[in-house]
Amino acid sequence: MSLPKLRNIGPKSAAWLRQVGLHSREDLEAAGPVEAFMRIKRAGFKPTMNLLYAIEGALCDCHWQEVPDARRQQLVAEAEAAIEQLPPPRYKPAAAPVRTTVLTADTVELPPADPDEGSDGNDAEP
């Protein structure tokens, strides 16, 4: 069975799962909901806990909102523990503010309009 046919797994979630190597229900069962969620998170996507519940619901063949509260709490605790083990994100320093400068004839020496006029780069007199 392909992921798009699993309950609760829409096109975007299915694409994320495929991109992290989970191509079938069997792959998803072998990984489990928390590991599948963590693979997606480690890949740089930004899943919400609803995806975690959706994966659990897909494996249990129930709507993600029907996952019992006790199981939800267990999944969240496992996911949060796994998230804490991730390396800290590498932030790039913010770029400096951008200043726009308007150049006018008063502030910049403009080249002559006619290429025959003005200096040819040689300052010697003929």
PDB file of N, CA and C in Angstrom:
ATOM      1  N   MET A   1       0.849  -1.183   0.000  1.00  0.00           N
ATOM      2  CA  MET A   1       0.000   0.000   0.000  1.00  0.00           C
ATOM      3  C   MET A   1       0.893   1.244   0.000  1.00  0.00           C
ATOM      4  N   SER A   2       0.568   2.181  -0.824  1.00  0.00           N
ATOM      5  CA  SER A   2       1.364   3.409  -0.892  1.00  0.00           C
ATOM      6  C   SER A   2       0.899   4.394   0.170  1.00  0.00           C
ATOM      7  N   LEU A   3       1.771   5.298   0.541  1.00  0.00           N
ATOM      8  CA  LEU A   3       1.454   6.262   1.591  1.00  0.00           C
ATOM      9  C   LEU A   3       0.262   7.144   1.272  1.00  0.00           C
ATOM     10  N   PRO A   4       0.079   7.618   0.034  1.00  0.00           N
ATOM     11  CA  PRO A   4      -1.069   8.489  -0.205  1.00  0.00           C
ATOM     12  C   PRO A   4      -2.412   7.823   0.105  1.00  0.00           C
ATOM     13  N   LYS A   5      -2.462   6.489   0.146  1.00  0.00           N
ATOM     14  CA  LYS A   5      -3.723   5.811   0.426  1.00  0.00           C
ATOM     15  C   LYS A   5      -3.917   5.540   1.908  1.00  0.00           C
ATOM     16  N   LEU A   6      -2.927   5.887   2.732  1.00  0.00           N
ATOM     17  CA  LEU A   6      -3.090   5.718   4.170  1.00  0.00           C
ATOM     18  C   LEU A   6      -3.976   6.820   4.731  1.00  0.00           C
ATOM     19  N   ARG A   7      -4.764   6.456   5.694  1.00  0.00           N
ATOM     20  CA  ARG A   7      -5.649   7.411   6.351  1.00  0.00           C
ATOM     21  C   ARG A   7      -4.816   8.508   7.018  1.00  0.00           C
ATOM     22  N   ASN A   8      -5.258   9.730   6.947  1.00  0.00           N
ATOM     23  CA  ASN A   8      -4.635  10.906   7.566  1.00  0.00           C
ATOM     24  C   ASN A   8      -3.406  11.430   6.838  1.00  0.00           C
ATOM     25  N   ILE A   9      -2.906  10.705   5.871  1.00  0.00           N
ATOM     26  CA  ILE A   9      -1.667  11.106   5.199  1.00  0.00           C
ATOM     27  C   ILE A   9      -2.024  11.756   3.873  1.00  0.00           C
ATOM     28  N   GLY A  10      -1.913  13.079   3.852  1.00  0.00           N
ATOM     29  CA  GLY A  10      -2.212  13.832   2.643  1.00  0.00           C
ATOM     30  C   GLY A  10      -1.001  13.923   1.742  1.00  0.00           C
ATOM     31  N   PRO A  11      -1.120  14.631   0.643  1.00  0.00           N
ATOM     32  CA  PRO A  11      -0.025  14.711  -0.338  1.00  0.00           C
ATOM     33  C   PRO A  11       1.272  15.294   0.235  1.00  0.00           C
ATOM     34  N   LYS A  12       1.165  16.327   1.037  1.00  0.00           N
ATOM     35  CA  LYS A  12       2.368  16.953   1.588  1.00  0.00           C
ATOM     36  C   LYS A  12       3.058  16.015   2.581  1.00  0.00           C
ATOM     37  N   SER A  13       2.288  15.414   3.477  1.00  0.00           N
ATOM     38  CA  SER A  13       2.863  14.474   4.446  1.00  0.00           C
ATOM     39  C   SER A  13       3.458  13.271   3.730  1.00  0.00           C
ATOM     40  N   ALA A  14       2.783  12.782   2.710  1.00  0.00           N
ATOM     41  CA  ALA A  14       3.293  11.641   1.951  1.00  0.00           C
ATOM     42  C   ALA A  14       4.610  11.992   1.262  1.00  0.00           C
ATOM     43  N   ALA A  15       4.701  13.206   0.729  1.00  0.00           N
ATOM     44  CA  ALA A  15       5.936  13.642   0.072  1.00  0.00           C
ATOM     45  C   ALA A  15       7.075  13.712   1.082  1.00  0.00           C
ATOM     46  N   TRP A  16       6.804  14.266   2.263  1.00  0.00           N
ATOM     47  CA  TRP A  16       7.836  14.326   3.308  1.00  0.00           C
ATOM     48  C   TRP A  16       8.301  12.928   3.681  1.00  0.00           C
ATOM     49  N   LEU A  17       7.346  12.018   3.863  1.00  0.00           N
ATOM     50  CA  LEU A  17       7.693  10.645   4.248  1.00  0.00           C
ATOM     51  C   LEU A  17       8.534   9.972   3.156  1.00  0.00           C
ATOM     52  N   ARG A  18       8.149  10.164   1.915  1.00  0.00           N
ATOM     53  CA  ARG A  18       8.937   9.578   0.815  1.00  0.00           C
ATOM     54  C   ARG A  18      10.347  10.149   0.801  1.00  0.00           C
ATOM     55  N   GLN A  19      10.470  11.443   1.046  1.00  0.00           N
ATOM     56  CA  GLN A  19      11.779  12.090   0.999  1.00  0.00           C
ATOM     57  C   GLN A  19      12.700  11.618   2.114  1.00  0.00           C
ATOM     58  N   VAL A  20      12.149  11.069   3.185  1.00  0.00           N
ATOM     59  CA  VAL A  20      12.992  10.547   4.264  1.00  0.00           C
ATOM     60  C   VAL A  20      13.083   9.026   4.218  1.00  0.00           C
ATOM     61  N   GLY A  21      12.681   8.438   3.091  1.00  0.00           N
ATOM     62  CA  GLY A  21      12.879   7.012   2.877  1.00  0.00           C
ATOM     63  C   GLY A  21      11.762   6.107   3.347  1.00  0.00           C
ATOM     64  N   LEU A  22      10.614   6.651   3.659  1.00  0.00           N
ATOM     65  CA  LEU A  22       9.467   5.847   4.094  1.00  0.00           C
ATOM     66  C   LEU A  22       8.459   5.807   2.957  1.00  0.00           C
ATOM     67  N   HIS A  23       8.467   4.702   2.210  1.00  0.00           N
ATOM     68  CA  HIS A  23       7.686   4.622   0.972  1.00  0.00           C
ATOM     69  C   HIS A  23       6.436   3.766   1.084  1.00  0.00           C
ATOM     70  N   SER A  24       6.295   3.007   2.146  1.00  0.00           N
ATOM     71  CA  SER A  24       5.149   2.103   2.259  1.00  0.00           C
ATOM     72  C   SER A  24       4.668   2.035   3.701  1.00  0.00           C
ATOM     73  N   ARG A  25       3.527   1.413   3.880  1.00  0.00           N
ATOM     74  CA  ARG A  25       3.002   1.213   5.231  1.00  0.00           C
ATOM     75  C   ARG A  25       3.981   0.389   6.057  1.00  0.00           C
ATOM     76  N   GLU A  26       4.599  -0.601   5.430  1.00  0.00           N
ATOM     77  CA  GLU A  26       5.555  -1.447   6.134  1.00  0.00           C
ATOM     78  C   GLU A  26       6.750  -0.623   6.622  1.00  0.00           C
ATOM     79  N   ASP A  27       7.234   0.291   5.778  1.00  0.00           N
ATOM     80  CA  ASP A  27       8.332   1.175   6.187  1.00  0.00           C
ATOM     81  C   ASP A  27       7.909   2.026   7.387  1.00  0.00           C
ATOM     82  N   LEU A  28       6.689   2.528   7.329  1.00  0.00           N
ATOM     83  CA  LEU A  28       6.171   3.377   8.397  1.00  0.00           C
ATOM     84  C   LEU A  28       6.003   2.578   9.690  1.00  0.00           C
ATOM     85  N   GLU A  29       5.494   1.358   9.582  1.00  0.00           N
ATOM     86  CA  GLU A  29       5.342   0.504  10.767  1.00  0.00           C
ATOM     87  C   GLU A  29       6.696   0.173  11.381  1.00  0.00           C
ATOM     88  N   ALA A  30       7.687  -0.117  10.543  1.00  0.00           N
ATOM     89  CA  ALA A  30       9.021  -0.460  11.047  1.00  0.00           C
ATOM     90  C   ALA A  30       9.658   0.726  11.778  1.00  0.00           C
ATOM     91  N   ALA A  31       9.450   1.929  11.261  1.00  0.00           N
ATOM     92  CA  ALA A  31      10.036   3.112  11.887  1.00  0.00           C
ATOM     93  C   ALA A  31       9.254   3.526  13.123  1.00  0.00           C
ATOM     94  N   GLY A  32       7.946   3.421  13.058  1.00  0.00           N
ATOM     95  CA  GLY A  32       7.101   3.896  14.147  1.00  0.00           C
ATOM     96  C   GLY A  32       6.820   5.378  14.003  1.00  0.00           C
ATOM     97  N   PRO A  33       5.791   5.856  14.676  1.00  0.00           N
ATOM     98  CA  PRO A  33       5.388   7.254  14.479  1.00  0.00           C
ATOM     99  C   PRO A  33       6.433   8.273  14.925  1.00  0.00           C
ATOM    100  N   VAL A  34       7.092   8.031  16.055  1.00  0.00           N
ATOM    101  CA  VAL A  34       8.051   9.024  16.552  1.00  0.00           C
ATOM    102  C   VAL A  34       9.279   9.085  15.651  1.00  0.00           C
ATOM    103  N   GLU A  35       9.809   7.926  15.257  1.00  0.00           N
ATOM    104  CA  GLU A  35      10.987   7.928  14.377  1.00  0.00           C
ATOM    105  C   GLU A  35      10.645   8.548  13.022  1.00  0.00           C
ATOM    106  N   ALA A  36       9.475   8.259  12.473  1.00  0.00           N
ATOM    107  CA  ALA A  36       9.063   8.861  11.203  1.00  0.00           C
ATOM    108  C   ALA A  36       8.990  10.383  11.352  1.00  0.00           C
ATOM    109  N   PHE A  37       8.380  10.843  12.440  1.00  0.00           N
ATOM    110  CA  PHE A  37       8.275  12.276  12.719  1.00  0.00           C
ATOM    111  C   PHE A  37       9.669  12.893  12.834  1.00  0.00           C
ATOM    112  N   MET A  38      10.573  12.226  13.543  1.00  0.00           N
ATOM    113  CA  MET A  38      11.919  12.758  13.742  1.00  0.00           C
ATOM    114  C   MET A  38      12.723  12.778  12.446  1.00  0.00           C
ATOM    115  N   ARG A  39      12.538  11.797  11.595  1.00  0.00           N
ATOM    116  CA  ARG A  39      13.233  11.822  10.293  1.00  0.00           C
ATOM    117  C   ARG A  39      12.817  13.052   9.502  1.00  0.00           C
ATOM    118  N   ILE A  40      11.533  13.341   9.537  1.00  0.00           N
ATOM    119  CA  ILE A  40      11.025  14.521   8.824  1.00  0.00           C
ATOM    120  C   ILE A  40      11.616  15.791   9.428  1.00  0.00           C
ATOM    121  N   LYS A  41      11.649  15.852  10.737  1.00  0.00           N
ATOM    122  CA  LYS A  41      12.193  17.028  11.422  1.00  0.00           C
ATOM    123  C   LYS A  41      13.687  17.177  11.134  1.00  0.00           C
ATOM    124  N   ARG A  42      14.442  16.082  11.196  1.00  0.00           N
ATOM    125  CA  ARG A  42      15.887  16.142  10.925  1.00  0.00           C
ATOM    126  C   ARG A  42      16.178  16.514   9.478  1.00  0.00           C
ATOM    127  N   ALA A  43      15.238  16.215   8.580  1.00  0.00           N
ATOM    128  CA  ALA A  43      15.420  16.554   7.167  1.00  0.00           C
ATOM    129  C   ALA A  43      15.233  18.054   6.913  1.00  0.00           C
ATOM    130  N   GLY A  44      14.812  18.784   7.928  1.00  0.00           N
ATOM    131  CA  GLY A  44      14.675  20.232   7.767  1.00  0.00           C
ATOM    132  C   GLY A  44      13.258  20.714   7.572  1.00  0.00           C
ATOM    133  N   PHE A  45      12.316  19.790   7.504  1.00  0.00           N
ATOM    134  CA  PHE A  45      10.918  20.203   7.404  1.00  0.00           C
ATOM    135  C   PHE A  45      10.445  20.638   8.791  1.00  0.00           C
ATOM    136  N   LYS A  46       9.310  21.284   8.853  1.00  0.00           N
ATOM    137  CA  LYS A  46       8.799  21.788  10.121  1.00  0.00           C
ATOM    138  C   LYS A  46       7.436  21.162  10.429  1.00  0.00           C
ATOM    139  N   PRO A  47       7.437  19.884  10.800  1.00  0.00           N
ATOM    140  CA  PRO A  47       6.160  19.231  11.095  1.00  0.00           C
ATOM    141  C   PRO A  47       5.606  19.686  12.445  1.00  0.00           C
ATOM    142  N   THR A  48       4.292  19.638  12.569  1.00  0.00           N
ATOM    143  CA  THR A  48       3.647  19.917  13.850  1.00  0.00           C
ATOM    144  C   THR A  48       3.307  18.584  14.509  1.00  0.00           C
ATOM    145  N   MET A  49       2.882  18.665  15.754  1.00  0.00           N
ATOM    146  CA  MET A  49       2.496  17.440  16.463  1.00  0.00           C
ATOM    147  C   MET A  49       1.298  16.772  15.791  1.00  0.00           C
ATOM    148  N   ASN A  50       0.517  17.531  15.034  1.00  0.00           N
ATOM    149  CA  ASN A  50      -0.603  16.915  14.313  1.00  0.00           C
ATOM    150  C   ASN A  50      -0.111  15.841  13.351  1.00  0.00           C
ATOM    151  N   LEU A  51       1.083  16.030  12.770  1.00  0.00           N
ATOM    152  CA  LEU A  51       1.625  14.995  11.891  1.00  0.00           C
ATOM    153  C   LEU A  51       1.928  13.738  12.698  1.00  0.00           C
ATOM    154  N   LEU A  52       2.449  13.908  13.884  1.00  0.00           N
ATOM    155  CA  LEU A  52       2.722  12.766  14.752  1.00  0.00           C
ATOM    156  C   LEU A  52       1.432  11.987  15.026  1.00  0.00           C
ATOM    157  N   TYR A  53       0.359  12.709  15.338  1.00  0.00           N
ATOM    158  CA  TYR A  53      -0.930  12.054  15.582  1.00  0.00           C
ATOM    159  C   TYR A  53      -1.472  11.421  14.301  1.00  0.00           C
ATOM    160  N   ALA A  54      -1.248  12.086  13.169  1.00  0.00           N
ATOM    161  CA  ALA A  54      -1.729  11.553  11.885  1.00  0.00           C
ATOM    162  C   ALA A  54      -1.033  10.240  11.548  1.00  0.00           C
ATOM    163  N   ILE A  55       0.268  10.161  11.810  1.00  0.00           N
ATOM    164  CA  ILE A  55       0.998   8.920  11.539  1.00  0.00           C
ATOM    165  C   ILE A  55       0.486   7.815  12.453  1.00  0.00           C
ATOM    166  N   GLU A  56       0.304   8.137  13.732  1.00  0.00           N
ATOM    167  CA  GLU A  56      -0.239   7.145  14.674  1.00  0.00           C
ATOM    168  C   GLU A  56      -1.620   6.698  14.219  1.00  0.00           C
ATOM    169  N   GLY A  57      -2.460   7.645  13.820  1.00  0.00           N
ATOM    170  CA  GLY A  57      -3.789   7.294  13.337  1.00  0.00           C
ATOM    171  C   GLY A  57      -3.733   6.439  12.078  1.00  0.00           C
ATOM    172  N   ALA A  58      -2.790   6.740  11.190  1.00  0.00           N
ATOM    173  CA  ALA A  58      -2.654   5.940   9.971  1.00  0.00           C
ATOM    174  C   ALA A  58      -2.285   4.506  10.312  1.00  0.00           C
ATOM    175  N   LEU A  59      -1.405   4.331  11.279  1.00  0.00           N
ATOM    176  CA  LEU A  59      -0.986   2.990  11.661  1.00  0.00           C
ATOM    177  C   LEU A  59      -2.081   2.234  12.419  1.00  0.00           C
ATOM    178  N   CYS A  60      -2.931   2.980  13.107  1.00  0.00           N
ATOM    179  CA  CYS A  60      -4.037   2.361  13.859  1.00  0.00           C
ATOM    180  C   CYS A  60      -5.342   2.346  13.066  1.00  0.00           C
ATOM    181  N   ASP A  61      -5.317   2.905  11.869  1.00  0.00           N
ATOM    182  CA  ASP A  61      -6.478   3.035  10.999  1.00  0.00           C
ATOM    183  C   ASP A  61      -7.632   3.759  11.693  1.00  0.00           C
ATOM    184  N   CYS A  62      -7.286   4.914  12.288  1.00  0.00           N
ATOM    185  CA  CYS A  62      -8.315   5.767  12.868  1.00  0.00           C
ATOM    186  C   CYS A  62      -7.997   7.219  12.512  1.00  0.00           C
ATOM    187  N   HIS A  63      -8.976   8.088  12.651  1.00  0.00           N
ATOM    188  CA  HIS A  63      -8.765   9.506  12.397  1.00  0.00           C
ATOM    189  C   HIS A  63      -7.779  10.029  13.434  1.00  0.00           C
ATOM    190  N   TRP A  64      -6.928  10.958  13.048  1.00  0.00           N
ATOM    191  CA  TRP A  64      -5.895  11.435  13.961  1.00  0.00           C
ATOM    192  C   TRP A  64      -6.464  12.067  15.217  1.00  0.00           C
ATOM    193  N   GLN A  65      -7.672  12.620  15.146  1.00  0.00           N
ATOM    194  CA  GLN A  65      -8.289  13.210  16.329  1.00  0.00           C
ATOM    195  C   GLN A  65      -8.844  12.153  17.284  1.00  0.00           C
ATOM    196  N   GLU A  66      -8.919  10.898  16.821  1.00  0.00           N
ATOM    197  CA  GLU A  66      -9.420   9.813  17.664  1.00  0.00           C
ATOM    198  C   GLU A  66      -8.300   9.095  18.425  1.00  0.00           C
ATOM    199  N   VAL A  67      -7.055   9.512  18.228  1.00  0.00           N
ATOM    200  CA  VAL A  67      -5.957   8.918  18.985  1.00  0.00           C
ATOM    201  C   VAL A  67      -6.194   9.278  20.455  1.00  0.00           C
ATOM    202  N   PRO A  68      -6.227   8.289  21.344  1.00  0.00           N
ATOM    203  CA  PRO A  68      -6.525   8.571  22.758  1.00  0.00           C
ATOM    204  C   PRO A  68      -5.526   9.559  23.380  1.00  0.00           C
ATOM    205  N   ASP A  69      -6.033  10.349  24.321  1.00  0.00           N
ATOM    206  CA  ASP A  69      -5.201  11.364  24.966  1.00  0.00           C
ATOM    207  C   ASP A  69      -3.962  10.756  25.620  1.00  0.00           C
ATOM    208  N   ALA A  70      -4.105   9.616  26.254  1.00  0.00           N
ATOM    209  CA  ALA A  70      -2.948   8.990  26.912  1.00  0.00           C
ATOM    210  C   ALA A  70      -1.871   8.658  25.879  1.00  0.00           C
ATOM    211  N   ARG A  71      -2.283   8.169  24.720  1.00  0.00           N
ATOM    212  CA  ARG A  71      -1.310   7.838  23.664  1.00  0.00           C
ATOM    213  C   ARG A  71      -0.705   9.111  23.087  1.00  0.00           C
ATOM    214  N   ARG A  72      -1.505  10.142  22.943  1.00  0.00           N
ATOM    215  CA  ARG A  72      -0.986  11.428  22.453  1.00  0.00           C
ATOM    216  C   ARG A  72       0.094  11.951  23.390  1.00  0.00           C
ATOM    217  N   GLN A  73      -0.183  11.908  24.692  1.00  0.00           N
ATOM    218  CA  GLN A  73       0.788  12.385  25.672  1.00  0.00           C
ATOM    219  C   GLN A  73       2.075  11.575  25.603  1.00  0.00           C
ATOM    220  N   GLN A  74       1.936  10.267  25.421  1.00  0.00           N
ATOM    221  CA  GLN A  74       3.113   9.403  25.304  1.00  0.00           C
ATOM    222  C   GLN A  74       3.917   9.764  24.052  1.00  0.00           C
ATOM    223  N   LEU A  75       3.241   9.944  22.926  1.00  0.00           N
ATOM    224  CA  LEU A  75       3.917  10.308  21.681  1.00  0.00           C
ATOM    225  C   LEU A  75       4.634  11.651  21.811  1.00  0.00           C
ATOM    226  N   VAL A  76       3.957  12.625  22.409  1.00  0.00           N
ATOM    227  CA  VAL A  76       4.556  13.953  22.577  1.00  0.00           C
ATOM    228  C   VAL A  76       5.781  13.866  23.471  1.00  0.00           C
ATOM    229  N   ALA A  77       5.693  13.114  24.562  1.00  0.00           N
ATOM    230  CA  ALA A  77       6.835  12.978  25.475  1.00  0.00           C
ATOM    231  C   ALA A  77       8.023  12.336  24.754  1.00  0.00           C
ATOM    232  N   GLU A  78       7.767  11.295  23.968  1.00  0.00           N
ATOM    233  CA  GLU A  78       8.845  10.638  23.223  1.00  0.00           C
ATOM    234  C   GLU A  78       9.440  11.574  22.174  1.00  0.00           C
ATOM    235  N   ALA A  79       8.584  12.303  21.478  1.00  0.00           N
ATOM    236  CA  ALA A  79       9.066  13.224  20.440  1.00  0.00           C
ATOM    237  C   ALA A  79       9.869  14.362  21.070  1.00  0.00           C
ATOM    238  N   GLU A  80       9.390  14.920  22.167  1.00  0.00           N
ATOM    239  CA  GLU A  80      10.124  16.005  22.819  1.00  0.00           C
ATOM    240  C   GLU A  80      11.474  15.539  23.330  1.00  0.00           C
ATOM    241  N   ALA A  81      11.537  14.309  23.858  1.00  0.00           N
ATOM    242  CA  ALA A  81      12.821  13.759  24.311  1.00  0.00           C
ATOM    243  C   ALA A  81      13.770  13.604  23.127  1.00  0.00           C
ATOM    244  N   ALA A  82      13.254  13.159  21.992  1.00  0.00           N
ATOM    245  CA  ALA A  82      14.086  13.011  20.791  1.00  0.00           C
ATOM    246  C   ALA A  82      14.522  14.371  20.251  1.00  0.00           C
ATOM    247  N   ILE A  83      13.643  15.351  20.318  1.00  0.00           N
ATOM    248  CA  ILE A  83      13.969  16.698  19.831  1.00  0.00           C
ATOM    249  C   ILE A  83      15.086  17.304  20.671  1.00  0.00           C
ATOM    250  N   GLU A  84      15.060  17.061  21.964  1.00  0.00           N
ATOM    251  CA  GLU A  84      16.113  17.574  22.846  1.00  0.00           C
ATOM    252  C   GLU A  84      17.492  17.023  22.484  1.00  0.00           C
ATOM    253  N   GLN A  85      17.526  15.847  21.866  1.00  0.00           N
ATOM    254  CA  GLN A  85      18.794  15.227  21.479  1.00  0.00           C
ATOM    255  C   GLN A  85      19.351  15.780  20.168  1.00  0.00           C
ATOM    256  N   LEU A  86      18.532  16.550  19.454  1.00  0.00           N
ATOM    257  CA  LEU A  86      19.006  17.135  18.193  1.00  0.00           C
ATOM    258  C   LEU A  86      20.076  18.180  18.476  1.00  0.00           C
ATOM    259  N   PRO A  87      21.052  18.317  17.579  1.00  0.00           N
ATOM    260  CA  PRO A  87      22.038  19.384  17.766  1.00  0.00           C
ATOM    261  C   PRO A  87      21.364  20.743  17.642  1.00  0.00           C
ATOM    262  N   PRO A  88      21.916  21.752  18.297  1.00  0.00           N
ATOM    263  CA  PRO A  88      21.298  23.077  18.196  1.00  0.00           C
ATOM    264  C   PRO A  88      21.353  23.577  16.758  1.00  0.00           C
ATOM    265  N   PRO A  89      20.368  24.348  16.362  1.00  0.00           N
ATOM    266  CA  PRO A  89      20.363  24.870  14.990  1.00  0.00           C
ATOM    267  C   PRO A  89      21.523  25.831  14.783  1.00  0.00           C
ATOM    268  N   ARG A  90      22.057  25.807  13.575  1.00  0.00           N
ATOM    269  CA  ARG A  90      23.143  26.735  13.229  1.00  0.00           C
ATOM    270  C   ARG A  90      22.529  27.970  12.610  1.00  0.00           C
ATOM    271  N   TYR A  91      22.609  29.056  13.339  1.00  0.00           N
ATOM    272  CA  TYR A  91      22.041  30.302  12.850  1.00  0.00           C
ATOM    273  C   TYR A  91      23.120  31.101  12.130  1.00  0.00           C
ATOM    274  N   LYS A  92      22.723  31.712  11.060  1.00  0.00           N
ATOM    275  CA  LYS A  92      23.615  32.636  10.364  1.00  0.00           C
ATOM    276  C   LYS A  92      23.365  34.016  10.952  1.00  0.00           C
ATOM    277  N   PRO A  93      24.409  34.797  11.114  1.00  0.00           N
ATOM    278  CA  PRO A  93      24.174  36.142  11.646  1.00  0.00           C
ATOM    279  C   PRO A  93      23.303  36.940  10.685  1.00  0.00           C
ATOM    280  N   ALA A  94      22.516  37.795  11.264  1.00  0.00           N
ATOM    281  CA  ALA A  94      21.640  38.631  10.446  1.00  0.00           C
ATOM    282  C   ALA A  94      22.480  39.545   9.572  1.00  0.00           C
ATOM    283  N   ALA A  95      22.016  39.785   8.399  1.00  0.00           N
ATOM    284  CA  ALA A  95      22.708  40.691   7.488  1.00  0.00           C
ATOM    285  C   ALA A  95      22.601  42.117   8.013  1.00  0.00           C
ATOM    286  N   ALA A  96      23.575  42.921   7.677  1.00  0.00           N
ATOM    287  CA  ALA A  96      23.558  44.323   8.077  1.00  0.00           C
ATOM    288  C   ALA A  96      22.406  45.027   7.362  1.00  0.00           C
ATOM    289  N   PRO A  97      21.922  46.099   7.932  1.00  0.00           N
ATOM    290  CA  PRO A  97      20.840  46.837   7.259  1.00  0.00           C
ATOM    291  C   PRO A  97      21.293  47.312   5.875  1.00  0.00           C
ATOM    292  N   VAL A  98      20.366  47.326   4.973  1.00  0.00           N
ATOM    293  CA  VAL A  98      20.655  47.736   3.605  1.00  0.00           C
ATOM    294  C   VAL A  98      20.350  49.215   3.462  1.00  0.00           C
ATOM    295  N   ARG A  99      21.315  49.946   2.904  1.00  0.00           N
ATOM    296  CA  ARG A  99      21.105  51.369   2.619  1.00  0.00           C
ATOM    297  C   ARG A  99      21.050  51.555   1.121  1.00  0.00           C
ATOM    298  N   THR A 100      20.087  52.292   0.684  1.00  0.00           N
ATOM    299  CA  THR A 100      19.966  52.590  -0.736  1.00  0.00           C
ATOM    300  C   THR A 100      20.535  53.974  -0.978  1.00  0.00           C
ATOM    301  N   THR A 101      21.431  54.079  -1.932  1.00  0.00           N
ATOM    302  CA  THR A 101      22.034  55.359  -2.276  1.00  0.00           C
ATOM    303  C   THR A 101      21.566  55.737  -3.676  1.00  0.00           C
ATOM    304  N   VAL A 102      21.077  56.931  -3.795  1.00  0.00           N
ATOM    305  CA  VAL A 102      20.640  57.425  -5.089  1.00  0.00           C
ATOM    306  C   VAL A 102      21.780  58.262  -5.660  1.00  0.00           C
ATOM    307  N   LEU A 103      22.245  57.889  -6.828  1.00  0.00           N
ATOM    308  CA  LEU A 103      23.326  58.617  -7.474  1.00  0.00           C
ATOM    309  C   LEU A 103      22.742  59.671  -8.416  1.00  0.00           C
ATOM    310  N   THR A 104      23.255  60.874  -8.290  1.00  0.00           N
ATOM    311  CA  THR A 104      22.820  61.956  -9.169  1.00  0.00           C
ATOM    312  C   THR A 104      24.052  62.566  -9.815  1.00  0.00           C
ATOM    313  N   ALA A 105      23.835  63.437 -10.783  1.00  0.00           N
ATOM    314  CA  ALA A 105      24.945  64.103 -11.457  1.00  0.00           C
ATOM    315  C   ALA A 105      25.728  64.971 -10.490  1.00  0.00           C
ATOM    316  N   ASP A 106      25.088  65.435  -9.420  1.00  0.00           N
ATOM    317  CA  ASP A 106      25.768  66.269  -8.431  1.00  0.00           C
ATOM    318  C   ASP A 106      26.726  65.461  -7.559  1.00  0.00           C
ATOM    319  N   THR A 107      26.437  64.181  -7.358  1.00  0.00           N
ATOM    320  CA  THR A 107      27.243  63.383  -6.439  1.00  0.00           C
ATOM    321  C   THR A 107      28.235  62.466  -7.138  1.00  0.00           C
ATOM    322  N   VAL A 108      28.070  62.272  -8.439  1.00  0.00           N
ATOM    323  CA  VAL A 108      28.939  61.351  -9.167  1.00  0.00           C
ATOM    324  C   VAL A 108      29.441  62.018 -10.437  1.00  0.00           C
ATOM    325  N   GLU A 109      30.700  61.805 -10.736  1.00  0.00           N
ATOM    326  CA  GLU A 109      31.238  62.318 -11.997  1.00  0.00           C
ATOM    327  C   GLU A 109      30.783  61.380 -13.100  1.00  0.00           C
ATOM    328  N   LEU A 110      29.962  61.909 -13.983  1.00  0.00           N
ATOM    329  CA  LEU A 110      29.410  61.100 -15.062  1.00  0.00           C
ATOM    330  C   LEU A 110      30.341  61.145 -16.262  1.00  0.00           C
ATOM    331  N   PRO A 111      30.419  60.048 -17.023  1.00  0.00           N
ATOM    332  CA  PRO A 111      31.239  60.062 -18.236  1.00  0.00           C
ATOM    333  C   PRO A 111      30.607  60.983 -19.269  1.00  0.00           C
ATOM    334  N   PRO A 112      31.409  61.490 -20.184  1.00  0.00           N
ATOM    335  CA  PRO A 112      30.842  62.365 -21.211  1.00  0.00           C
ATOM    336  C   PRO A 112      29.819  61.623 -22.055  1.00  0.00           C
ATOM    337  N   ALA A 113      28.842  62.376 -22.547  1.00  0.00           N
ATOM    338  CA  ALA A 113      27.777  61.778 -23.338  1.00  0.00           C
ATOM    339  C   ALA A 113      28.300  61.300 -24.683  1.00  0.00           C
ATOM    340  N   ASP A 114      29.247  62.043 -25.276  1.00  0.00           N
ATOM    341  CA  ASP A 114      29.789  61.689 -26.580  1.00  0.00           C
ATOM    342  C   ASP A 114      31.160  61.049 -26.351  1.00  0.00           C
ATOM    343  N   PRO A 115      31.386  59.838 -26.858  1.00  0.00           N
ATOM    344  CA  PRO A 115      32.667  59.186 -26.623  1.00  0.00           C
ATOM    345  C   PRO A 115      33.843  59.951 -27.231  1.00  0.00           C
ATOM    346  N   ASP A 116      33.587  60.834 -28.227  1.00  0.00           N
ATOM    347  CA  ASP A 116      34.665  61.615 -28.825  1.00  0.00           C
ATOM    348  C   ASP A 116      35.057  62.795 -27.943  1.00  0.00           C
ATOM    349  N   GLU A 117      34.177  63.171 -27.030  1.00  0.00           N
ATOM    350  CA  GLU A 117      34.464  64.280 -26.133  1.00  0.00           C
ATOM    351  C   GLU A 117      35.153  63.760 -24.896  1.00  0.00           C
ATOM    352  N   GLY A 118      35.913  64.605 -24.261  1.00  0.00           N
ATOM    353  CA  GLY A 118      36.528  64.242 -22.994  1.00  0.00           C
ATOM    354  C   GLY A 118      37.802  63.468 -23.197  1.00  0.00           C
ATOM    355  N   SER A 119      38.316  62.987 -22.103  1.00  0.00           N
ATOM    356  CA  SER A 119      39.601  62.310 -22.090  1.00  0.00           C
ATOM    357  C   SER A 119      39.484  60.896 -22.626  1.00  0.00           C
ATOM    358  N   ASP A 120      40.531  60.430 -23.293  1.00  0.00           N
ATOM    359  CA  ASP A 120      40.558  59.067 -23.765  1.00  0.00           C
ATOM    360  C   ASP A 120      41.374  58.183 -22.807  1.00  0.00           C
ATOM    361  N   GLY A 121      41.657  58.721 -21.632  1.00  0.00           N
ATOM    362  CA  GLY A 121      42.426  57.982 -20.667  1.00  0.00           C
ATOM    363  C   GLY A 121      43.891  58.358 -20.691  1.00  0.00           C
ATOM    364  N   ASN A 122      44.288  59.118 -21.682  1.00  0.00           N
ATOM    365  CA  ASN A 122      45.686  59.548 -21.804  1.00  0.00           C
ATOM    366  C   ASN A 122      45.711  61.028 -21.506  1.00  0.00           C
ATOM    367  N   ASP A 123      46.388  61.419 -20.424  1.00  0.00           N
ATOM    368  CA  ASP A 123      46.376  62.817 -20.007  1.00  0.00           C
ATOM    369  C   ASP A 123      47.409  63.671 -20.751  1.00  0.00           C
ATOM    370  N   ALA A 124      48.230  63.074 -21.560  1.00  0.00           N
ATOM    371  CA  ALA A 124      49.263  63.847 -22.289  1.00  0.00           C
ATOM    372  C   ALA A 124      48.607  64.656 -23.390  1.00  0.00           C
ATOM    373  N   GLU A 125      49.098  65.881 -23.595  1.00  0.00           N
ATOM    374  CA  GLU A 125      48.597  66.735 -24.654  1.00  0.00           C
ATOM    375  C   GLU A 125      49.174  66.247 -25.974  1.00  0.00           C
ATOM    376  N   PRO A 126      48.400  66.365 -27.062  1.00  0.00           N
ATOM    377  CA  PRO A 126      48.937  65.934 -28.377  1.00  0.00           C
ATOM    378  C   PRO A 126      49.909  66.897 -28.966  1.00  0.00           C
TER     379      PRO A 126
END
